[in-house]
Protein backbone atom coordinates (compact mmCIF):
# COMPACT_ATOMS: atom_id res chain seq x y z
CA UNK A 1 0.00 0.00 0.00
CA UNK A 2 1.14 3.59 -0.49
CA UNK A 3 3.05 5.16 2.46
CA UNK A 4 0.43 7.85 3.11
CA UNK A 5 -2.33 5.28 3.63
CA UNK A 6 -0.07 3.27 5.95
CA UNK A 7 0.60 6.37 8.04
CA UNK A 8 -3.08 7.31 8.23
CA UNK A 9 -4.12 3.79 9.27
CA UNK A 10 -1.36 3.60 11.87
CA UNK A 11 -2.30 7.00 13.27
CA UNK A 12 -6.04 6.26 13.37
CA UNK A 13 -5.53 2.95 15.13
CA UNK A 14 -2.96 4.39 17.50
CA UNK A 15 -5.29 7.20 18.56
CA UNK A 16 -8.30 4.91 18.83
CA UNK A 17 -6.52 2.41 21.05
CA UNK A 18 -4.11 4.59 23.04
CA UNK A 19 -5.34 8.16 22.64
CA UNK A 20 -6.92 8.24 26.08
CA UNK A 21 -3.55 7.81 27.81
CA UNK A 22 -1.09 9.11 25.22
CA UNK A 23 -3.16 11.84 23.61
CA UNK A 24 -2.16 12.94 20.12
CA UNK A 25 1.24 11.34 20.67
CA UNK A 26 -0.52 8.02 20.03
CA UNK A 27 -1.34 9.10 16.48
CA UNK A 28 2.27 10.16 15.88
CA UNK A 29 3.70 6.91 17.22
CA UNK A 30 1.19 4.85 15.24
CA UNK A 31 2.02 6.70 12.02
CA UNK A 32 5.79 6.39 12.48
CA UNK A 33 5.57 2.69 13.29
CA UNK A 34 3.31 2.15 10.28
CA UNK A 35 5.90 3.74 7.98
CA UNK A 36 8.96 2.04 9.46
CA UNK A 37 8.63 -1.47 7.93
CA UNK A 38 9.40 -0.04 4.50
CA UNK A 39 12.93 0.70 5.67
CA UNK A 40 13.72 -2.58 3.91
CA UNK A 41 13.62 -0.66 0.61
CA UNK A 42 17.10 0.53 1.54
CA UNK A 43 18.44 -2.98 0.91
CA UNK A 44 20.30 -2.63 -2.39
CA UNK A 45 23.25 -4.30 -4.09
CA UNK A 46 25.34 -3.24 -7.06
CA UNK A 47 26.21 -6.87 -7.83
CA UNK A 48 22.75 -8.41 -7.31
CA UNK A 49 19.84 -6.56 -8.98
CA UNK A 50 17.28 -8.78 -7.20
CA UNK A 51 18.43 -7.94 -3.66
CA UNK A 52 15.79 -5.23 -3.38
CA UNK A 53 13.06 -7.48 -4.80
CA UNK A 54 14.02 -10.35 -2.54
CA UNK A 55 14.08 -8.38 0.69
CA UNK A 56 11.29 -5.83 0.25
CA UNK A 57 8.28 -6.91 2.32
CA UNK A 58 10.54 -9.51 3.90
CA UNK A 59 11.69 -9.75 7.54
CA UNK A 60 10.62 -6.22 8.49
CA UNK A 61 7.10 -7.19 7.40
CA UNK A 62 6.84 -10.32 9.55
CA UNK A 63 4.78 -10.78 12.69
CA UNK A 64 7.90 -11.92 14.52
CA UNK A 65 9.77 -8.69 13.81
CA UNK A 66 6.95 -6.29 14.79
CA UNK A 67 7.75 -6.23 18.55
CA UNK A 68 11.44 -5.65 17.75
CA UNK A 69 10.79 -2.90 15.25
CA UNK A 70 8.38 -1.24 17.68
CA UNK A 71 11.24 -0.96 20.19
CA UNK A 72 13.12 1.34 17.83
CA UNK A 73 10.06 3.56 17.36
CA UNK A 74 9.36 3.74 21.09
CA UNK A 75 13.06 4.36 21.70
CA UNK A 76 12.95 7.29 19.29
CA UNK A 77 9.99 8.67 21.22
CA UNK A 78 11.90 8.32 24.47
CA UNK A 79 14.92 10.08 22.96
CA UNK A 80 12.82 13.03 21.78
CA UNK A 81 10.56 13.32 24.83
CA UNK A 82 13.07 12.68 27.59
CA UNK A 83 12.24 11.55 31.12
CA UNK A 84 8.68 10.67 32.02
CA UNK A 85 8.02 9.14 28.61
CA UNK A 86 5.61 6.14 28.98
CA UNK A 87 7.87 3.71 27.16
CA UNK A 88 5.83 0.49 27.63
CA UNK A 89 2.60 2.10 26.52
CA UNK A 90 4.37 3.76 23.56
CA UNK A 91 5.83 0.39 22.61
CA UNK A 92 2.34 -1.18 22.56
CA UNK A 93 1.12 1.65 20.34
CA UNK A 94 4.09 1.17 18.01
CA UNK A 95 3.42 -2.59 17.82
CA UNK A 96 -0.08 -1.77 16.59
CA UNK A 97 1.28 0.59 13.94
CA UNK A 98 3.83 -1.96 12.75
CA UNK A 99 1.26 -4.75 12.54
CA UNK A 100 -1.19 -2.50 10.69
CA UNK A 101 1.40 -2.02 7.96
CA UNK A 102 2.03 -5.75 7.63
CA UNK A 103 -1.63 -6.69 7.50
CA UNK A 104 -2.55 -3.96 5.04
CA UNK A 105 0.28 -4.98 2.71
CA UNK A 106 -0.85 -8.60 2.96
CA UNK A 107 -4.32 -7.52 1.85
CA UNK A 108 -2.84 -6.46 -1.51
CA UNK A 109 -1.51 -8.77 -4.22
CA UNK A 110 2.24 -8.04 -4.00
CA UNK A 111 3.01 -10.61 -1.31
CA UNK A 112 4.27 -10.19 2.26
CA UNK A 113 6.46 -12.46 4.43
CA UNK A 114 4.11 -12.44 7.41
CA UNK A 115 5.32 -15.78 8.81
CA UNK A 116 9.08 -15.30 8.44
CA UNK A 117 11.29 -16.95 9.78
CA UNK A 118 8.96 -19.92 10.15
CA UNK A 119 7.81 -19.85 6.52
CA UNK A 120 9.08 -18.25 3.31
CA UNK A 121 5.57 -18.09 1.85
CA UNK A 122 4.51 -14.71 0.47
CA UNK A 123 1.02 -13.83 1.71
CA UNK A 124 -1.20 -11.80 -0.63
CA UNK A 125 -4.96 -11.83 -0.16
CA UNK A 126 -5.83 -9.76 -3.28
CA UNK A 127 -8.67 -7.83 -1.66
CA UNK A 128 -7.56 -4.21 -2.15
CA UNK A 129 -5.52 -2.34 -4.75
CA UNK A 130 -2.18 -0.73 -3.95
CA UNK A 131 -3.95 2.63 -4.24
CA UNK A 132 -7.58 2.90 -3.11
CA UNK A 133 -8.72 6.53 -2.61
CA UNK A 134 -12.00 5.59 -0.93
CA UNK A 135 -10.20 3.53 1.71
CA UNK A 136 -7.60 6.23 2.31
CA UNK A 137 -10.00 9.19 2.39
CA UNK A 138 -12.39 7.39 4.75
CA UNK A 139 -9.56 6.79 7.21
CA UNK A 140 -8.23 10.32 6.83
CA UNK A 141 -11.55 12.06 7.52
CA UNK A 142 -12.14 9.99 10.66
CA UNK A 143 -8.57 10.61 11.86
CA UNK A 144 -8.77 14.38 11.33
CA UNK A 145 -12.09 14.56 13.16
CA UNK A 146 -10.66 12.52 16.03
CA UNK A 147 -7.63 14.77 16.38
CA UNK A 148 -9.64 17.98 15.97
CA UNK A 149 -12.35 17.04 18.46
CA UNK A 150 -9.97 14.98 20.61
CA UNK A 151 -12.51 12.17 20.65
CA UNK A 152 -11.45 8.59 20.07
CA UNK A 153 -14.84 7.60 18.71
CA UNK A 154 -14.05 9.21 15.36
CA UNK A 155 -10.87 7.16 15.10
CA UNK A 156 -12.92 4.02 15.74
CA UNK A 157 -15.34 5.16 13.03
CA UNK A 158 -12.37 5.51 10.66
CA UNK A 159 -11.20 1.98 11.49
CA UNK A 160 -14.73 0.68 11.03
CA UNK A 161 -14.93 2.21 7.56
CA UNK A 162 -11.56 0.67 6.73
CA UNK A 163 -12.75 -2.77 7.83
CA UNK A 164 -15.90 -2.28 5.77
CA UNK A 165 -13.84 -1.48 2.66
CA UNK A 166 -11.66 -4.55 3.15
CA UNK A 167 -14.73 -6.73 3.78
CA UNK A 168 -16.26 -5.48 0.55
CA UNK A 169 -13.03 -6.42 -1.20
CA UNK A 170 -13.19 -9.94 0.24
CA UNK A 171 -16.77 -10.32 -1.00
CA UNK A 172 -15.96 -8.99 -4.46
CA UNK A 173 -12.86 -11.17 -4.69
CA UNK A 174 -14.95 -14.27 -4.06
CA UNK A 175 -17.41 -13.23 -6.77
CA UNK A 176 -14.58 -12.57 -9.22
CA UNK A 177 -13.03 -16.00 -8.65
CA UNK A 178 -16.40 -17.58 -9.41
CA UNK A 179 -16.63 -15.48 -12.59
CA UNK A 180 -13.13 -16.64 -13.51
CA UNK A 181 -14.16 -20.27 -13.14
CA UNK A 182 -17.21 -19.57 -15.29
CA UNK A 183 -15.15 -17.96 -18.05
CA UNK A 184 -12.66 -20.84 -18.00
CA UNK A 185 -15.51 -23.37 -18.13
CA UNK A 186 -16.94 -21.67 -21.23
CA UNK A 187 -13.56 -22.18 -22.89
CA UNK A 188 -13.37 -25.81 -21.84
CA UNK A 189 -10.47 -25.09 -19.50
CA UNK A 190 -9.59 -26.49 -16.11
CA UNK A 191 -8.14 -23.86 -13.79
CA UNK A 192 -4.95 -25.32 -12.34
CA UNK A 193 -4.52 -22.17 -10.29
CA UNK A 194 -5.89 -18.67 -10.54
CA UNK A 195 -5.54 -15.16 -9.17
CA UNK A 196 -7.90 -12.19 -9.27
CA UNK A 197 -6.19 -8.84 -8.73
CA UNK A 198 -8.10 -5.61 -8.03
CA UNK A 199 -7.28 -2.79 -10.42
CA UNK A 200 -6.26 0.60 -9.13
CA UNK A 201 -8.75 2.60 -7.13
CA UNK A 202 -11.72 0.21 -7.12
CA UNK A 203 -12.99 -3.31 -6.41
CA UNK A 204 -15.31 -3.62 -9.42
CA UNK A 205 -12.85 -4.23 -12.29
CA UNK A 206 -10.24 -6.94 -11.75
CA UNK A 207 -7.34 -8.50 -13.64
CA UNK A 208 -7.89 -12.23 -13.91
CA UNK A 209 -5.02 -14.68 -14.47
CA UNK A 210 -5.33 -18.43 -14.46
CA UNK A 211 -3.28 -21.36 -15.69
CA UNK A 212 -4.52 -24.16 -17.96
CA UNK A 213 -2.39 -26.74 -19.79
CA UNK A 214 0.83 -24.81 -19.31
CA UNK A 215 -0.58 -21.48 -20.51
CA UNK A 216 -1.53 -18.38 -18.55
CA UNK A 217 -4.79 -16.69 -19.55
CA UNK A 218 -5.19 -12.98 -18.78
CA UNK A 219 -8.57 -11.22 -18.87
CA UNK A 220 -10.44 -8.27 -17.35
CA UNK A 221 -13.48 -9.13 -15.29
CA UNK A 222 -16.09 -6.72 -13.99
CA UNK A 223 -18.48 -7.57 -11.18
CA UNK A 224 -20.80 -4.67 -10.50
CA UNK A 225 -22.44 -4.00 -7.17
CA UNK A 226 -25.79 -4.55 -8.87
CA UNK A 227 -24.78 -8.16 -9.57
CA UNK A 228 -23.96 -7.89 -13.28
CA UNK A 229 -20.89 -9.83 -14.41
CA UNK A 230 -18.99 -9.16 -17.63
CA UNK A 231 -15.66 -10.10 -19.16
CA UNK A 232 -13.21 -8.53 -21.55
CA UNK A 233 -11.21 -11.39 -22.98
CA UNK A 234 -7.49 -10.80 -23.21
CA UNK A 235 -4.57 -12.96 -24.21
CA UNK A 236 -2.78 -16.16 -23.30
CA UNK A 237 0.91 -16.82 -22.89
CA UNK A 238 3.11 -19.85 -22.42
CA UNK A 239 4.15 -20.16 -18.80
CA UNK A 240 7.93 -20.14 -18.47
CA UNK A 241 9.75 -22.41 -16.04
CA UNK A 242 13.45 -22.81 -15.29
CA UNK A 243 13.78 -25.60 -17.87
CA UNK A 244 12.46 -23.29 -20.60
CA UNK A 245 15.41 -20.89 -20.44
CA UNK A 246 17.62 -20.52 -23.49
CA UNK A 247 21.23 -21.70 -23.51
CA UNK A 248 22.50 -18.17 -22.87
CA UNK A 249 20.02 -17.64 -20.05
CA UNK A 250 20.89 -20.96 -18.43
CA UNK A 251 24.59 -20.11 -18.57
CA UNK A 252 23.91 -16.75 -16.93
CA UNK A 253 21.79 -18.49 -14.30
CA UNK A 254 24.80 -20.57 -13.21
CA UNK A 255 26.75 -17.38 -12.48
CA UNK A 256 24.10 -15.77 -10.27
CA UNK A 257 20.72 -17.51 -9.82
CA UNK A 258 17.81 -15.24 -10.60
CA UNK A 259 14.92 -17.25 -11.97
CA UNK A 260 13.81 -19.04 -8.82
CA UNK A 261 13.99 -15.83 -6.79
CA UNK A 262 11.97 -13.98 -9.40
CA UNK A 263 9.50 -16.89 -9.49
CA UNK A 264 9.13 -16.60 -5.71
CA UNK A 265 8.46 -12.88 -6.02
CA UNK A 266 5.93 -13.35 -8.86
CA UNK A 267 4.32 -16.48 -7.38
CA UNK A 268 5.37 -18.37 -10.51
CA UNK A 269 3.32 -16.21 -12.90
CA UNK A 270 6.13 -15.79 -15.43
CA UNK A 271 5.86 -15.43 -19.22
CA UNK A 272 7.89 -13.83 -21.97
CA UNK A 273 6.74 -10.44 -23.14
CA UNK A 274 5.15 -10.67 -26.62
CA UNK A 275 6.71 -7.27 -27.36
CA UNK A 276 10.23 -8.24 -26.25
CA UNK A 277 10.97 -11.92 -25.72
CA UNK A 278 14.13 -11.11 -23.77
CA UNK A 279 11.89 -9.95 -20.93
CA UNK A 280 10.67 -12.59 -18.50
CA UNK A 281 7.79 -10.76 -16.88
CA UNK A 282 5.43 -11.02 -13.93
CA UNK A 283 2.09 -11.67 -15.62
CA UNK A 284 0.10 -10.41 -12.64
CA UNK A 285 0.83 -6.80 -13.60
CA UNK A 286 0.78 -5.18 -17.03
CA UNK A 287 1.17 -1.65 -18.41
CA UNK A 288 -1.48 -2.45 -21.01
CA UNK A 289 -5.02 -3.62 -20.34
CA UNK A 290 -5.18 -5.10 -23.86
CA UNK A 291 -2.04 -7.25 -23.98
CA UNK A 292 0.75 -8.34 -21.67
CA UNK A 293 3.35 -5.59 -21.32
CA UNK A 294 5.19 -6.36 -18.06
CA UNK A 295 5.75 -3.76 -15.39
CA UNK A 296 8.34 -5.94 -13.63
CA UNK A 297 10.67 -8.37 -15.38
CA UNK A 298 14.18 -9.79 -15.51
CA UNK A 299 16.41 -9.88 -18.57
CA UNK A 300 19.49 -12.07 -18.87
CA UNK A 301 22.49 -10.26 -20.34
CA UNK A 302 24.98 -13.10 -20.53
CA UNK A 303 27.28 -15.21 -18.38
CA UNK A 304 30.23 -12.94 -19.18
CA UNK A 305 28.53 -9.91 -17.64
CA UNK A 306 28.56 -8.94 -13.99
CA UNK A 307 25.82 -9.13 -12.95
CA UNK A 308 24.58 -11.57 -15.65
CA UNK A 309 20.99 -10.24 -15.58
CA UNK A 310 19.12 -7.04 -14.94
CA UNK A 311 15.98 -6.11 -13.04
CA UNK A 312 13.50 -4.23 -15.22
CA UNK A 313 11.15 -1.88 -13.36
CA UNK A 314 8.82 0.04 -15.67
CA UNK A 315 6.45 1.34 -13.01
CA UNK A 316 7.23 4.95 -13.95
CA UNK A 317 5.97 4.25 -17.47
CA UNK A 318 2.47 3.51 -16.17
CA UNK A 319 -0.06 6.02 -17.45
CA UNK A 320 -3.60 6.07 -16.12
CA UNK A 321 -6.43 6.97 -18.47
CA UNK A 322 -8.95 8.12 -15.88
CA UNK A 323 -11.75 8.47 -18.42
CA UNK A 324 -11.22 4.92 -19.65
CA UNK A 325 -11.07 3.61 -16.08
CA UNK A 326 -14.27 5.45 -15.18
CA UNK A 327 -16.09 3.93 -18.16
CA UNK A 328 -14.97 0.47 -17.06
CA UNK A 329 -16.09 1.07 -13.49
CA UNK A 330 -19.49 2.26 -14.73
CA UNK A 331 -19.91 -0.76 -17.02
CA UNK A 332 -19.48 1.18 -20.26
CA UNK A 333 -16.01 -0.11 -21.17
CA UNK A 334 -15.73 -1.35 -24.78
CA UNK A 335 -15.04 -5.01 -25.40
CA UNK A 336 -16.93 -6.40 -22.42
CA UNK A 337 -19.52 -9.10 -22.82
CA UNK A 338 -21.94 -10.47 -20.24
CA UNK A 339 -21.11 -13.81 -18.65
CA UNK A 340 -24.06 -16.21 -18.60
């Protein structure tokens, strides 16, 4: 989730739970603790392009690390405030903020190491987009009212609205997965595994990906709040595994393994870009809604290079057509057909 939303959620929860004893300091501590887990973005390496990818949302985003990370936040509060600072209570507030970050990230599709070091599984519940203005604004209004009026009830209202948004996402996600099964059935496909990813700013239009017979099928599905279900059929791509690498790519892989780490990051949803077959991309995310144009990918350069591959991040190339998105949300997007 975006940093601003993390801070707002941490502050709202901190004030709701600890505002009576800590006052507005509770909101500050909650916000700081909710921002702190993303310190793992500082992990970089000039010789390993995947270091950042491997360790973002890793140990700092685990349940086990939350009490430890909260100590640093509470310690910072003690350093600034001096004697008389309620360290134990501040630590509890910071634990809340840290956990709120982890759980909110897990609610997205990116994947979060909640159970590290006991499990390396990446948890992603796919119930809210990385950016959801309604979720953020609802929290923000409640938080501002709580701080202005100095009444915790408004912070609880903010949290309640947040839970309502996430619950709506869970409900829509279940409906989308059923629509995905229906679309696959119409094609005579058996879904080996599938994901439904909310698109930016809403929980009505989703990106559907599922695997059948070694191919990944990508579509747009819309499930309106009125119950209507429609699909915009997309494309299919051959799923790429380690054994499918070219001779040059395999040679580079022996120098510095990349594929399995990228597969762990992308949950195995890997295919070659139709626009550039040197790009092995994460099919879950695409710059284009019409065809697969990967946002994140790896490209092997050759065994003689150091490093022998590069990390391709094209997130800055993403351009949002708000008018087009609005038409999709309203059910007027071209190319959609009703699902029976």
